[in-house]
Amino acid sequence: MAGADRLAGFGLLHIATHALVDDERPEQSALVLSQVGLPDPLEAALKGGRVYDGLLTAREIVNEWNLDADLVTLSACETGLGKKIGGEGYVGFAHAFFQAGARSLLVSLWKVEDRATALLMKRFYENYTGRFEGERAGYDAGPMPKAEALAEAKRWLRTLEDDNGRRPYEHPYFWSAFILVGDPT
């Protein structure tokens, strides 16, 4: 889709995968895509074609992606990190996606737990889109701005009780890793 310049047609991108953050060479930080069914690298090289390794680097995002996205969510570990540069903050995925045309990003600051992340993301998107499911089905508050949607999802997750009345996600480790960068509306 990037090669066909079709990514600009999406206002929202959610990428749930693993991330490899290179804090020395942030342009080499990569999102791990499928490693299955890749073309033979030797054949591609011999034909002078591109060798696909299943990794999407920050450099590739900057050079090959053309976005017009209101929000890009990188639901993976440590996607808000990179190389710390004075006056710039962390240079990594956020810089790459902003340069490619994203207006805001939802990224994580540390390794995240899968179940808590899934719950947080589901609640965030219900809030952001105004489309509620389950116990909130029929709730008609309308969509929330991104920052408000994320804050409410974090409050909800930290107070969520299991069948025994315990709050398994109360600790900030489970709900505070994700931050919104860029346009909060």
C-alpha atoms as a PDB file:
ATOM      1  CA  MET A   1       0.000   0.000   0.000  1.00  0.00           C
ATOM      2  CA  ALA A   2       2.861   2.376   0.721  1.00  0.00           C
ATOM      3  CA  GLY A   3       4.392   1.676  -2.685  1.00  0.00           C
ATOM      4  CA  ALA A   4       1.048   2.384  -4.371  1.00  0.00           C
ATOM      5  CA  ASP A   5       0.651   5.594  -2.324  1.00  0.00           C
ATOM      6  CA  ARG A   6      -2.625   4.331  -0.846  1.00  0.00           C
ATOM      7  CA  LEU A   7      -1.835   4.958   2.832  1.00  0.00           C
ATOM      8  CA  ALA A   8      -2.875   8.613   2.598  1.00  0.00           C
ATOM      9  CA  GLY A   9      -6.464   7.417   2.275  1.00  0.00           C
ATOM     10  CA  PHE A  10      -6.557   6.306   5.909  1.00  0.00           C
ATOM     11  CA  GLY A  11      -7.186   8.766   8.721  1.00  0.00           C
ATOM     12  CA  LEU A  12      -6.452   6.174  11.392  1.00  0.00           C
ATOM     13  CA  LEU A  13      -3.731   3.520  11.432  1.00  0.00           C
ATOM     14  CA  HIS A  14      -3.340   0.972  14.214  1.00  0.00           C
ATOM     15  CA  ILE A  15      -0.228  -1.183  14.112  1.00  0.00           C
ATOM     16  CA  ALA A  16      -0.165  -3.926  16.743  1.00  0.00           C
ATOM     17  CA  THR A  17       3.127  -5.791  16.523  1.00  0.00           C
ATOM     18  CA  HIS A  18       6.550  -5.993  18.124  1.00  0.00           C
ATOM     19  CA  ALA A  19       9.003  -3.113  17.928  1.00  0.00           C
ATOM     20  CA  LEU A  20      12.780  -3.117  17.851  1.00  0.00           C
ATOM     21  CA  VAL A  21      14.054   0.223  19.129  1.00  0.00           C
ATOM     22  CA  ASP A  22      17.607   1.191  18.225  1.00  0.00           C
ATOM     23  CA  ASP A  23      18.631   3.987  20.595  1.00  0.00           C
ATOM     24  CA  GLU A  24      21.943   4.529  18.787  1.00  0.00           C
ATOM     25  CA  ARG A  25      20.634   4.579  15.209  1.00  0.00           C
ATOM     26  CA  PRO A  26      16.946   5.545  15.505  1.00  0.00           C
ATOM     27  CA  GLU A  27      16.424   5.348  11.740  1.00  0.00           C
ATOM     28  CA  GLN A  28      17.006   1.586  12.098  1.00  0.00           C
ATOM     29  CA  SER A  29      14.263   1.160  14.715  1.00  0.00           C
ATOM     30  CA  ALA A  30      11.776  -1.256  13.197  1.00  0.00           C
ATOM     31  CA  LEU A  31       8.270  -2.595  13.500  1.00  0.00           C
ATOM     32  CA  VAL A  32       8.272  -6.363  13.108  1.00  0.00           C
ATOM     33  CA  LEU A  33       5.826  -7.400  10.400  1.00  0.00           C
ATOM     34  CA  SER A  34       5.258 -10.938   9.166  1.00  0.00           C
ATOM     35  CA  GLN A  35       8.330 -13.116   8.870  1.00  0.00           C
ATOM     36  CA  VAL A  36       6.315 -15.803   7.049  1.00  0.00           C
ATOM     37  CA  GLY A  37       6.201 -16.238   3.282  1.00  0.00           C
ATOM     38  CA  LEU A  38       8.823 -13.629   2.463  1.00  0.00           C
ATOM     39  CA  PRO A  39      10.338 -13.687  -1.018  1.00  0.00           C
ATOM     40  CA  ASP A  40      13.681 -15.416  -1.284  1.00  0.00           C
ATOM     41  CA  PRO A  41      16.286 -12.726  -0.499  1.00  0.00           C
ATOM     42  CA  LEU A  42      18.921 -14.276  -2.751  1.00  0.00           C
ATOM     43  CA  GLU A  43      16.564 -14.321  -5.740  1.00  0.00           C
ATOM     44  CA  ALA A  44      15.535 -10.734  -5.111  1.00  0.00           C
ATOM     45  CA  ALA A  45      19.163  -9.601  -4.815  1.00  0.00           C
ATOM     46  CA  LEU A  46      20.206 -11.443  -7.964  1.00  0.00           C
ATOM     47  CA  LYS A  47      17.349  -9.801  -9.880  1.00  0.00           C
ATOM     48  CA  GLY A  48      18.324  -6.396  -8.529  1.00  0.00           C
ATOM     49  CA  GLY A  49      15.051  -6.183  -6.623  1.00  0.00           C
ATOM     50  CA  ARG A  50      14.276  -5.223  -3.088  1.00  0.00           C
ATOM     51  CA  VAL A  51      15.075  -7.658  -0.315  1.00  0.00           C
ATOM     52  CA  TYR A  52      12.189  -7.909   2.152  1.00  0.00           C
ATOM     53  CA  ASP A  53      13.060  -8.896   5.700  1.00  0.00           C
ATOM     54  CA  GLY A  54       9.677  -8.385   7.361  1.00  0.00           C
ATOM     55  CA  LEU A  55      10.890  -5.296   9.221  1.00  0.00           C
ATOM     56  CA  LEU A  56       9.530  -1.808   8.647  1.00  0.00           C
ATOM     57  CA  THR A  57      12.219   0.680   9.689  1.00  0.00           C
ATOM     58  CA  ALA A  58      11.779   4.293  10.699  1.00  0.00           C
ATOM     59  CA  ARG A  59      13.887   5.208   7.661  1.00  0.00           C
ATOM     60  CA  GLU A  60      11.454   3.356   5.360  1.00  0.00           C
ATOM     61  CA  ILE A  61       8.506   5.119   6.953  1.00  0.00           C
ATOM     62  CA  VAL A  62      10.090   8.539   6.334  1.00  0.00           C
ATOM     63  CA  ASN A  63      11.220   7.741   2.791  1.00  0.00           C
ATOM     64  CA  GLU A  64       8.337   5.630   1.502  1.00  0.00           C
ATOM     65  CA  TRP A  65       5.156   6.425   3.407  1.00  0.00           C
ATOM     66  CA  ASN A  66       2.838   9.288   2.546  1.00  0.00           C
ATOM     67  CA  LEU A  67       0.220   9.684   5.266  1.00  0.00           C
ATOM     68  CA  ASP A  68      -2.665  11.987   5.961  1.00  0.00           C
ATOM     69  CA  ALA A  69      -3.508  10.327   9.270  1.00  0.00           C
ATOM     70  CA  ASP A  70      -5.187  11.988  12.189  1.00  0.00           C
ATOM     71  CA  LEU A  71      -3.901   9.206  14.451  1.00  0.00           C
ATOM     72  CA  VAL A  72      -1.319   6.439  14.227  1.00  0.00           C
ATOM     73  CA  THR A  73      -1.347   3.973  17.115  1.00  0.00           C
ATOM     74  CA  LEU A  74       1.753   1.861  17.654  1.00  0.00           C
ATOM     75  CA  SER A  75       0.450  -0.772  20.031  1.00  0.00           C
ATOM     76  CA  ALA A  76       3.818  -2.316  20.788  1.00  0.00           C
ATOM     77  CA  CYS A  77       6.504  -2.093  23.434  1.00  0.00           C
ATOM     78  CA  GLU A  78       8.640   1.043  23.780  1.00  0.00           C
ATOM     79  CA  THR A  79       7.452   2.733  20.565  1.00  0.00           C
ATOM     80  CA  GLY A  80       7.782   6.163  22.176  1.00  0.00           C
ATOM     81  CA  LEU A  81      11.510   5.672  22.743  1.00  0.00           C
ATOM     82  CA  GLY A  82      14.519   6.154  20.510  1.00  0.00           C
ATOM     83  CA  LYS A  83      17.707   8.157  20.691  1.00  0.00           C
ATOM     84  CA  LYS A  84      17.605  10.997  23.188  1.00  0.00           C
ATOM     85  CA  ILE A  85      18.755  14.207  21.494  1.00  0.00           C
ATOM     86  CA  GLY A  86      19.005  17.450  23.451  1.00  0.00           C
ATOM     87  CA  GLY A  87      16.282  19.910  22.476  1.00  0.00           C
ATOM     88  CA  GLU A  88      14.470  17.253  20.406  1.00  0.00           C
ATOM     89  CA  GLY A  89      13.536  14.574  22.927  1.00  0.00           C
ATOM     90  CA  TYR A  90      13.499  11.008  21.680  1.00  0.00           C
ATOM     91  CA  VAL A  91      14.062  10.555  17.949  1.00  0.00           C
ATOM     92  CA  GLY A  92      12.511   7.345  16.663  1.00  0.00           C
ATOM     93  CA  PHE A  93       9.113   6.196  15.484  1.00  0.00           C
ATOM     94  CA  ALA A  94       7.322   9.412  16.441  1.00  0.00           C
ATOM     95  CA  HIS A  95       9.611  11.562  14.306  1.00  0.00           C
ATOM     96  CA  ALA A  96       9.308   9.121  11.417  1.00  0.00           C
ATOM     97  CA  PHE A  97       5.514   9.054  11.464  1.00  0.00           C
ATOM     98  CA  PHE A  98       5.238  12.827  11.879  1.00  0.00           C
ATOM     99  CA  GLN A  99       7.538  13.328   8.891  1.00  0.00           C
ATOM    100  CA  ALA A 100       5.393  10.866   6.916  1.00  0.00           C
ATOM    101  CA  GLY A 101       2.235  12.892   7.634  1.00  0.00           C
ATOM    102  CA  ALA A 102       0.696  11.752  10.922  1.00  0.00           C
ATOM    103  CA  ARG A 103      -0.815  14.471  13.112  1.00  0.00           C
ATOM    104  CA  SER A 104      -0.766  12.464  16.349  1.00  0.00           C
ATOM    105  CA  LEU A 105       0.600   9.195  17.662  1.00  0.00           C
ATOM    106  CA  LEU A 106      -0.308   6.882  20.489  1.00  0.00           C
ATOM    107  CA  VAL A 107       2.936   5.206  21.607  1.00  0.00           C
ATOM    108  CA  SER A 108       4.299   3.340  24.625  1.00  0.00           C
ATOM    109  CA  LEU A 109       7.194   4.168  26.912  1.00  0.00           C
ATOM    110  CA  TRP A 110       7.998   0.655  28.159  1.00  0.00           C
ATOM    111  CA  LYS A 111       7.233  -3.028  27.646  1.00  0.00           C
ATOM    112  CA  VAL A 112       3.477  -3.465  27.851  1.00  0.00           C
ATOM    113  CA  GLU A 113       1.374  -6.387  29.015  1.00  0.00           C
ATOM    114  CA  ASP A 114      -0.788  -7.879  26.237  1.00  0.00           C
ATOM    115  CA  ARG A 115      -4.145  -8.264  28.023  1.00  0.00           C
ATOM    116  CA  ALA A 116      -4.030  -4.821  29.652  1.00  0.00           C
ATOM    117  CA  THR A 117      -3.055  -3.258  26.320  1.00  0.00           C
ATOM    118  CA  ALA A 118      -5.932  -4.980  24.500  1.00  0.00           C
ATOM    119  CA  LEU A 119      -8.432  -3.753  27.109  1.00  0.00           C
ATOM    120  CA  LEU A 120      -7.011  -0.219  27.065  1.00  0.00           C
ATOM    121  CA  MET A 121      -7.063  -0.008  23.263  1.00  0.00           C
ATOM    122  CA  LYS A 122     -10.624  -1.320  22.994  1.00  0.00           C
ATOM    123  CA  ARG A 123     -11.855   1.227  25.517  1.00  0.00           C
ATOM    124  CA  PHE A 124      -9.816   4.039  23.922  1.00  0.00           C
ATOM    125  CA  TYR A 125     -11.296   3.377  20.469  1.00  0.00           C
ATOM    126  CA  GLU A 126     -14.843   3.145  21.847  1.00  0.00           C
ATOM    127  CA  ASN A 127     -14.309   6.543  23.453  1.00  0.00           C
ATOM    128  CA  TYR A 128     -12.597   8.059  20.413  1.00  0.00           C
ATOM    129  CA  THR A 129     -15.147   6.841  17.873  1.00  0.00           C
ATOM    130  CA  GLY A 130     -18.223   7.099  20.083  1.00  0.00           C
ATOM    131  CA  ARG A 131     -19.156   3.503  19.163  1.00  0.00           C
ATOM    132  CA  PHE A 132     -19.732   1.629  22.389  1.00  0.00           C
ATOM    133  CA  GLU A 133     -20.127  -2.112  22.957  1.00  0.00           C
ATOM    134  CA  GLY A 134     -21.130  -4.387  25.810  1.00  0.00           C
ATOM    135  CA  GLU A 135     -22.401  -2.637  28.922  1.00  0.00           C
ATOM    136  CA  ARG A 136     -21.993   0.747  27.237  1.00  0.00           C
ATOM    137  CA  ALA A 137     -23.914  -0.223  24.066  1.00  0.00           C
ATOM    138  CA  GLY A 138     -26.447   2.460  23.294  1.00  0.00           C
ATOM    139  CA  TYR A 139     -24.471   5.030  25.282  1.00  0.00           C
ATOM    140  CA  ASP A 140     -24.759   8.217  23.275  1.00  0.00           C
ATOM    141  CA  ALA A 141     -22.088  10.618  24.461  1.00  0.00           C
ATOM    142  CA  GLY A 142     -20.538  10.953  21.029  1.00  0.00           C
ATOM    143  CA  PRO A 143     -16.851  10.712  20.186  1.00  0.00           C
ATOM    144  CA  MET A 144     -14.270  12.123  22.579  1.00  0.00           C
ATOM    145  CA  PRO A 145     -11.089  13.998  21.656  1.00  0.00           C
ATOM    146  CA  LYS A 146      -8.077  11.667  21.613  1.00  0.00           C
ATOM    147  CA  ALA A 147      -6.534  12.941  24.857  1.00  0.00           C
ATOM    148  CA  GLU A 148      -9.838  12.681  26.715  1.00  0.00           C
ATOM    149  CA  ALA A 149     -10.527   9.222  25.241  1.00  0.00           C
ATOM    150  CA  LEU A 150      -7.129   7.970  26.424  1.00  0.00           C
ATOM    151  CA  ALA A 151      -7.455   9.509  29.897  1.00  0.00           C
ATOM    152  CA  GLU A 152     -10.874   7.908  30.409  1.00  0.00           C
ATOM    153  CA  ALA A 153      -9.600   4.527  29.182  1.00  0.00           C
ATOM    154  CA  LYS A 154      -6.706   4.696  31.657  1.00  0.00           C
ATOM    155  CA  ARG A 155      -9.040   5.603  34.558  1.00  0.00           C
ATOM    156  CA  TRP A 156     -11.358   2.757  33.593  1.00  0.00           C
ATOM    157  CA  LEU A 157      -8.568   0.175  33.329  1.00  0.00           C
ATOM    158  CA  ARG A 158      -7.005   1.017  36.658  1.00  0.00           C
ATOM    159  CA  THR A 159     -10.381   0.679  38.436  1.00  0.00           C
ATOM    160  CA  LEU A 160     -11.562  -2.409  36.501  1.00  0.00           C
ATOM    161  CA  GLU A 161     -12.508  -5.186  38.898  1.00  0.00           C
ATOM    162  CA  ASP A 162     -12.288  -8.917  38.204  1.00  0.00           C
ATOM    163  CA  ASP A 163     -14.897 -11.460  39.374  1.00  0.00           C
ATOM    164  CA  ASN A 164     -13.310 -11.507  42.848  1.00  0.00           C
ATOM    165  CA  GLY A 165     -13.476  -7.744  43.316  1.00  0.00           C
ATOM    166  CA  ARG A 166      -9.746  -7.281  42.790  1.00  0.00           C
ATOM    167  CA  ARG A 167      -8.237  -4.630  40.541  1.00  0.00           C
ATOM    168  CA  PRO A 168      -5.587  -6.522  38.537  1.00  0.00           C
ATOM    169  CA  TYR A 169      -4.606  -3.478  36.444  1.00  0.00           C
ATOM    170  CA  GLU A 170      -4.491  -0.901  39.226  1.00  0.00           C
ATOM    171  CA  HIS A 171      -0.696  -0.524  39.122  1.00  0.00           C
ATOM    172  CA  PRO A 172       0.497   2.236  36.730  1.00  0.00           C
ATOM    173  CA  TYR A 173       2.617  -0.326  34.883  1.00  0.00           C
ATOM    174  CA  PHE A 174      -0.560  -1.608  33.208  1.00  0.00           C
ATOM    175  CA  TRP A 175      -2.211   1.648  32.139  1.00  0.00           C
ATOM    176  CA  SER A 176       0.279   4.496  32.036  1.00  0.00           C
ATOM    177  CA  ALA A 177       2.774   3.303  29.380  1.00  0.00           C
ATOM    178  CA  PHE A 178       0.777   4.755  26.498  1.00  0.00           C
ATOM    179  CA  ILE A 179       1.032   8.456  25.740  1.00  0.00           C
ATOM    180  CA  LEU A 180      -0.445  10.655  23.075  1.00  0.00           C
ATOM    181  CA  VAL A 181       2.010  12.794  21.093  1.00  0.00           C
ATOM    182  CA  GLY A 182       0.893  15.552  18.741  1.00  0.00           C
ATOM    183  CA  ASP A 183      -2.644  16.851  18.212  1.00  0.00           C
ATOM    184  CA  PRO A 184      -4.759  15.950  21.293  1.00  0.00           C
ATOM    185  CA  THR A 185      -8.153  16.653  19.692  1.00  0.00           C
END
